[in-house]
N, C-alpha and C. Protein backbone atom coordinates (compact mmCIF):
# COMPACT_ATOMS: atom_id res chain seq x y z
N UNK A 1 167.31 147.86 91.01
CA UNK A 1 166.63 147.76 92.26
C UNK A 1 165.42 148.68 92.22
N UNK A 2 164.28 148.19 92.64
CA UNK A 2 163.04 148.97 92.63
C UNK A 2 162.93 149.78 93.92
N UNK A 3 162.56 151.04 93.76
CA UNK A 3 162.42 151.94 94.90
C UNK A 3 161.20 152.82 94.71
N UNK A 4 160.49 153.09 95.81
CA UNK A 4 159.40 154.04 95.67
C UNK A 4 160.00 155.43 95.46
N UNK A 5 159.25 156.37 94.90
CA UNK A 5 159.80 157.67 94.54
C UNK A 5 160.48 158.41 95.70
N UNK A 6 159.91 158.34 96.90
CA UNK A 6 160.50 159.04 98.05
C UNK A 6 161.92 158.57 98.31
N UNK A 7 162.12 157.24 98.41
CA UNK A 7 163.45 156.69 98.71
C UNK A 7 164.40 156.84 97.51
N UNK A 8 163.86 156.74 96.33
CA UNK A 8 164.68 156.94 95.13
C UNK A 8 165.30 158.34 95.14
N UNK A 9 164.48 159.34 95.44
CA UNK A 9 164.98 160.72 95.49
C UNK A 9 166.04 160.88 96.58
N UNK A 10 165.84 160.24 97.72
CA UNK A 10 166.81 160.34 98.82
C UNK A 10 168.16 159.74 98.40
N UNK A 11 168.13 158.64 97.65
CA UNK A 11 169.38 158.04 97.17
C UNK A 11 170.02 158.94 96.12
N UNK A 12 169.23 159.41 95.16
CA UNK A 12 169.77 160.27 94.10
C UNK A 12 170.36 161.57 94.65
N UNK A 13 169.80 162.07 95.76
CA UNK A 13 170.29 163.30 96.37
C UNK A 13 171.46 163.06 97.32
N UNK A 14 171.84 161.79 97.53
CA UNK A 14 172.96 161.47 98.41
C UNK A 14 172.62 161.46 99.89
N UNK A 15 171.34 161.59 100.22
CA UNK A 15 170.93 161.59 101.62
C UNK A 15 170.88 160.17 102.20
N UNK A 16 170.49 159.22 101.39
CA UNK A 16 170.34 157.82 101.81
C UNK A 16 171.47 157.02 101.16
N UNK A 17 172.37 156.47 101.97
CA UNK A 17 173.53 155.77 101.44
C UNK A 17 173.49 154.27 101.72
N UNK A 18 172.41 153.80 102.32
CA UNK A 18 172.21 152.36 102.51
C UNK A 18 170.74 152.05 102.33
N UNK A 19 170.45 150.98 101.61
CA UNK A 19 169.08 150.54 101.42
C UNK A 19 168.94 149.19 102.12
N UNK A 20 167.83 149.00 102.82
CA UNK A 20 167.60 147.77 103.56
C UNK A 20 166.76 146.83 102.71
N UNK A 21 167.26 145.61 102.54
CA UNK A 21 166.62 144.60 101.69
C UNK A 21 166.53 143.27 102.43
N UNK A 22 165.56 142.44 102.04
CA UNK A 22 165.41 141.11 102.64
C UNK A 22 166.24 140.05 101.92
N UNK A 23 166.90 140.44 100.86
CA UNK A 23 167.74 139.49 100.13
C UNK A 23 168.98 140.22 99.63
N UNK A 24 169.92 139.42 99.12
CA UNK A 24 171.15 140.00 98.61
C UNK A 24 171.62 139.23 97.40
N UNK A 25 172.32 139.88 96.51
CA UNK A 25 172.85 139.18 95.34
C UNK A 25 173.91 138.16 95.75
N UNK A 26 174.04 137.12 94.97
CA UNK A 26 175.06 136.11 95.25
C UNK A 26 176.43 136.54 94.71
N UNK A 27 176.43 137.50 93.82
CA UNK A 27 177.68 138.02 93.29
C UNK A 27 178.36 138.85 94.36
N UNK A 28 179.67 138.89 94.29
CA UNK A 28 180.42 139.68 95.27
C UNK A 28 180.33 141.17 95.02
N UNK A 29 180.76 141.92 95.97
CA UNK A 29 180.81 143.38 95.87
C UNK A 29 182.19 143.80 95.40
N UNK A 30 182.28 144.92 94.77
CA UNK A 30 181.22 145.85 94.41
C UNK A 30 180.48 145.40 93.14
N UNK A 31 179.27 145.93 92.99
CA UNK A 31 178.51 145.68 91.76
C UNK A 31 177.72 146.92 91.39
N UNK A 32 177.39 147.01 90.12
CA UNK A 32 176.67 148.14 89.55
C UNK A 32 175.18 147.94 89.81
N UNK A 33 174.48 149.01 90.19
CA UNK A 33 173.06 148.94 90.49
C UNK A 33 172.33 150.05 89.74
N UNK A 34 171.23 149.70 89.10
CA UNK A 34 170.38 150.68 88.44
C UNK A 34 169.19 150.97 89.35
N UNK A 35 168.78 152.22 89.41
CA UNK A 35 167.72 152.66 90.31
C UNK A 35 166.42 152.83 89.53
N UNK A 36 165.47 151.93 89.79
CA UNK A 36 164.16 151.97 89.13
C UNK A 36 163.17 152.62 90.08
N UNK A 37 162.54 153.70 89.62
CA UNK A 37 161.53 154.38 90.43
C UNK A 37 160.16 153.80 90.08
N UNK A 38 159.47 153.26 91.08
CA UNK A 38 158.16 152.66 90.85
C UNK A 38 157.13 153.72 90.49
N UNK A 39 155.99 153.28 89.99
CA UNK A 39 154.91 154.19 89.61
C UNK A 39 154.08 154.62 90.82
N UNK A 40 154.28 153.97 91.96
CA UNK A 40 153.51 154.33 93.16
C UNK A 40 153.79 155.78 93.54
N UNK A 41 152.81 156.41 94.15
CA UNK A 41 152.95 157.78 94.66
C UNK A 41 153.41 158.77 93.58
N UNK A 42 152.99 158.55 92.33
CA UNK A 42 153.30 159.47 91.25
C UNK A 42 154.68 159.31 90.64
N UNK A 43 155.33 158.17 90.88
CA UNK A 43 156.66 157.92 90.32
C UNK A 43 156.61 157.71 88.82
N UNK A 44 157.77 157.73 88.20
CA UNK A 44 157.83 157.70 86.73
C UNK A 44 157.81 156.29 86.13
N UNK A 45 158.04 155.24 86.93
CA UNK A 45 158.04 153.89 86.36
C UNK A 45 159.17 153.68 85.38
N UNK A 46 160.34 154.22 85.69
CA UNK A 46 161.49 154.11 84.80
C UNK A 46 162.78 154.12 85.62
N UNK A 47 163.90 153.86 84.95
CA UNK A 47 165.21 153.88 85.60
C UNK A 47 165.71 155.31 85.61
N UNK A 48 165.98 155.81 86.81
CA UNK A 48 166.32 157.22 86.98
C UNK A 48 167.81 157.48 87.24
N UNK A 49 168.55 156.41 87.49
CA UNK A 49 169.96 156.60 87.77
C UNK A 49 170.65 155.28 88.04
N UNK A 50 171.87 155.38 88.51
CA UNK A 50 172.67 154.19 88.79
C UNK A 50 173.65 154.50 89.91
N UNK A 51 174.20 153.46 90.49
CA UNK A 51 175.20 153.62 91.54
C UNK A 51 176.00 152.33 91.68
N UNK A 52 176.93 152.35 92.59
CA UNK A 52 177.72 151.16 92.90
C UNK A 52 177.35 150.72 94.30
N UNK A 53 177.06 149.46 94.45
CA UNK A 53 176.88 148.87 95.78
C UNK A 53 178.24 148.30 96.15
N UNK A 54 178.89 148.94 97.12
CA UNK A 54 180.25 148.54 97.46
C UNK A 54 180.31 147.53 98.60
N UNK A 55 179.19 147.30 99.29
CA UNK A 55 179.18 146.37 100.41
C UNK A 55 177.74 145.97 100.71
N UNK A 56 177.51 144.70 101.02
CA UNK A 56 176.23 144.21 101.51
C UNK A 56 176.51 143.51 102.83
N UNK A 57 175.85 143.98 103.89
CA UNK A 57 176.06 143.39 105.22
C UNK A 57 174.77 142.85 105.79
N UNK A 58 174.85 141.65 106.37
CA UNK A 58 173.74 141.11 107.15
C UNK A 58 173.63 141.95 108.42
N UNK A 59 172.43 142.38 108.76
CA UNK A 59 172.26 143.26 109.90
C UNK A 59 171.97 142.49 111.18
N UNK A 60 172.89 142.59 112.13
CA UNK A 60 172.68 142.04 113.47
C UNK A 60 172.12 143.13 114.38
N UNK A 61 172.65 144.35 114.18
CA UNK A 61 172.31 145.49 115.02
C UNK A 61 171.71 146.58 114.13
N UNK A 62 170.40 146.70 114.16
CA UNK A 62 169.73 147.66 113.30
C UNK A 62 170.16 149.11 113.58
N UNK A 63 170.53 149.40 114.82
CA UNK A 63 170.90 150.77 115.15
C UNK A 63 172.17 151.22 114.42
N UNK A 64 172.96 150.27 113.93
CA UNK A 64 174.21 150.60 113.25
C UNK A 64 173.97 151.26 111.88
N UNK A 65 172.78 151.13 111.33
CA UNK A 65 172.54 151.66 109.98
C UNK A 65 171.45 152.72 109.90
N UNK A 66 170.92 153.15 111.02
CA UNK A 66 169.82 154.11 110.97
C UNK A 66 170.22 155.42 110.27
N UNK A 67 171.44 155.90 110.51
CA UNK A 67 171.89 157.14 109.87
C UNK A 67 172.10 157.00 108.38
N UNK A 68 172.51 155.81 107.94
CA UNK A 68 172.75 155.56 106.51
C UNK A 68 171.45 155.29 105.76
N UNK A 69 170.52 154.59 106.42
CA UNK A 69 169.29 154.15 105.75
C UNK A 69 168.12 155.12 105.91
N UNK A 70 168.26 156.07 106.84
CA UNK A 70 167.20 157.03 107.18
C UNK A 70 165.96 156.35 107.75
N UNK A 71 166.14 155.15 108.29
CA UNK A 71 165.06 154.40 108.93
C UNK A 71 165.38 154.24 110.41
N UNK A 72 164.34 154.24 111.23
CA UNK A 72 164.53 154.00 112.66
C UNK A 72 164.69 152.50 112.91
N UNK A 73 165.18 152.15 114.08
CA UNK A 73 165.28 150.74 114.46
C UNK A 73 163.91 150.08 114.37
N UNK A 74 162.88 150.79 114.81
CA UNK A 74 161.52 150.23 114.77
C UNK A 74 161.05 150.00 113.33
N UNK A 75 161.35 150.93 112.44
CA UNK A 75 160.95 150.77 111.03
C UNK A 75 161.66 149.56 110.41
N UNK A 76 162.92 149.36 110.71
CA UNK A 76 163.66 148.21 110.19
C UNK A 76 163.09 146.92 110.78
N UNK A 77 162.81 146.94 112.08
CA UNK A 77 162.22 145.78 112.76
C UNK A 77 160.88 145.42 112.13
N UNK A 78 160.04 146.41 111.89
CA UNK A 78 158.73 146.17 111.28
C UNK A 78 158.88 145.60 109.87
N UNK A 79 159.83 146.11 109.12
CA UNK A 79 160.09 145.63 107.75
C UNK A 79 160.61 144.19 107.78
N UNK A 80 161.52 143.90 108.70
CA UNK A 80 162.15 142.58 108.77
C UNK A 80 161.15 141.49 109.16
N UNK A 81 160.22 141.79 110.03
CA UNK A 81 159.24 140.79 110.50
C UNK A 81 159.92 139.50 110.94
N UNK A 82 161.04 139.64 111.65
CA UNK A 82 161.74 138.47 112.18
C UNK A 82 162.65 137.76 111.20
N UNK A 83 162.70 138.21 109.97
CA UNK A 83 163.58 137.60 108.95
C UNK A 83 164.91 138.33 108.90
N UNK A 84 165.86 137.73 108.21
CA UNK A 84 167.14 138.38 107.99
C UNK A 84 166.94 139.59 107.08
N UNK A 85 167.71 140.63 107.34
CA UNK A 85 167.73 141.79 106.45
C UNK A 85 169.18 142.20 106.23
N UNK A 86 169.39 142.85 105.11
CA UNK A 86 170.73 143.23 104.68
C UNK A 86 170.76 144.72 104.36
N UNK A 87 171.88 145.34 104.64
CA UNK A 87 172.10 146.74 104.24
C UNK A 87 172.95 146.72 102.97
N UNK A 88 172.45 147.34 101.94
CA UNK A 88 173.19 147.53 100.70
C UNK A 88 173.77 148.94 100.75
N UNK A 89 175.09 149.06 100.85
CA UNK A 89 175.74 150.36 100.95
C UNK A 89 176.05 150.88 99.54
N UNK A 90 175.60 152.11 99.27
CA UNK A 90 175.62 152.67 97.92
C UNK A 90 176.54 153.89 97.82
N UNK A 91 177.20 154.02 96.67
CA UNK A 91 178.10 155.16 96.42
C UNK A 91 178.12 155.44 94.93
N UNK A 92 178.81 156.50 94.54
CA UNK A 92 178.98 156.89 93.14
C UNK A 92 177.62 156.97 92.41
N UNK A 93 176.69 157.65 93.04
CA UNK A 93 175.33 157.77 92.49
C UNK A 93 175.33 158.74 91.32
N UNK A 94 174.69 158.32 90.23
CA UNK A 94 174.55 159.16 89.03
C UNK A 94 173.06 159.26 88.71
N UNK A 95 172.58 160.50 88.61
CA UNK A 95 171.19 160.73 88.21
C UNK A 95 171.16 160.92 86.70
N UNK A 96 170.29 160.19 86.00
CA UNK A 96 170.17 160.36 84.56
C UNK A 96 169.46 161.69 84.25
N UNK A 97 169.82 162.30 83.14
CA UNK A 97 169.19 163.56 82.75
C UNK A 97 167.72 163.34 82.39
N UNK A 98 167.40 162.14 81.92
CA UNK A 98 166.01 161.76 81.63
C UNK A 98 165.84 160.29 82.00
N UNK A 99 164.70 159.93 82.62
CA UNK A 99 164.47 158.53 82.97
C UNK A 99 164.53 157.63 81.74
N UNK A 100 165.00 156.41 81.94
CA UNK A 100 165.13 155.45 80.84
C UNK A 100 164.14 154.31 81.03
N UNK A 101 163.47 153.88 79.98
CA UNK A 101 162.50 152.79 80.10
C UNK A 101 163.18 151.46 80.44
N UNK A 102 162.46 150.60 81.14
CA UNK A 102 163.05 149.31 81.54
C UNK A 102 163.38 148.44 80.33
N UNK A 103 162.77 148.72 79.20
CA UNK A 103 163.09 147.94 77.99
C UNK A 103 164.55 148.15 77.59
N UNK A 104 165.13 149.31 77.94
CA UNK A 104 166.55 149.55 77.67
C UNK A 104 167.46 148.58 78.44
N UNK A 105 166.89 147.94 79.45
CA UNK A 105 167.64 147.01 80.31
C UNK A 105 167.26 145.56 80.04
N UNK A 106 166.53 145.33 78.95
CA UNK A 106 166.14 143.98 78.58
C UNK A 106 165.00 143.42 79.40
N UNK A 107 164.23 144.27 80.05
CA UNK A 107 163.12 143.83 80.90
C UNK A 107 161.78 144.19 80.27
N UNK A 108 160.79 143.34 80.53
CA UNK A 108 159.43 143.59 80.06
C UNK A 108 158.62 144.26 81.17
N UNK A 109 158.91 143.87 82.42
CA UNK A 109 158.24 144.46 83.57
C UNK A 109 159.27 144.74 84.66
N UNK A 110 158.89 145.60 85.56
CA UNK A 110 159.80 146.01 86.63
C UNK A 110 160.02 144.88 87.63
N UNK A 111 161.21 144.82 88.22
CA UNK A 111 161.47 143.81 89.24
C UNK A 111 160.71 144.11 90.53
N UNK A 112 160.35 143.07 91.27
CA UNK A 112 159.68 143.26 92.56
C UNK A 112 160.59 143.98 93.54
N UNK A 113 161.82 143.54 93.67
CA UNK A 113 162.77 144.13 94.59
C UNK A 113 164.03 144.51 93.83
N UNK A 114 164.68 143.51 93.23
CA UNK A 114 165.86 143.72 92.40
C UNK A 114 165.99 142.54 91.47
N UNK A 115 166.82 142.70 90.47
CA UNK A 115 167.02 141.63 89.49
C UNK A 115 168.33 141.86 88.76
N UNK A 116 168.99 140.77 88.37
CA UNK A 116 170.18 140.90 87.53
C UNK A 116 169.75 141.32 86.14
N UNK A 117 170.51 142.22 85.52
CA UNK A 117 170.25 142.63 84.14
C UNK A 117 171.58 142.67 83.39
N UNK A 118 171.47 142.59 82.07
CA UNK A 118 172.65 142.74 81.22
C UNK A 118 172.99 144.22 81.10
N UNK A 119 174.20 144.47 80.72
CA UNK A 119 174.64 145.86 80.53
C UNK A 119 173.80 146.49 79.42
N UNK A 120 173.17 147.63 79.69
CA UNK A 120 172.34 148.27 78.66
C UNK A 120 173.20 148.80 77.51
N UNK A 121 172.56 148.96 76.36
CA UNK A 121 173.26 149.39 75.15
C UNK A 121 173.83 150.80 75.27
N UNK A 122 173.20 151.67 76.07
CA UNK A 122 173.66 153.05 76.14
C UNK A 122 174.91 153.22 76.98
N UNK A 123 175.36 152.20 77.69
CA UNK A 123 176.59 152.32 78.50
C UNK A 123 177.81 151.92 77.71
């Protein structure tokens, strides 16, 4: 899953336990998620950690996830732009000692939002 550096750090530090997305995987939960930090705002452009997504919920009531997502109802509303949005609930976060290139995950370029990948060789 691609994240800007600010939100990536919040997840790695355990402050942000839900990420708001406009789509969801078709596979059931739980599933393994790798955290890709984008190059925007001075980010490293590499995979910085991993976690488990134990639940994905369609959001009817944005106020139910503000504490988990660190976003206000208005910020979620602005992001959603009238479309469906989902909360990806994250746990078991592991920060890598050094960022790993996306090539380790069989990718040539970073995903726009998220993408299925094969298990990397280092796991």
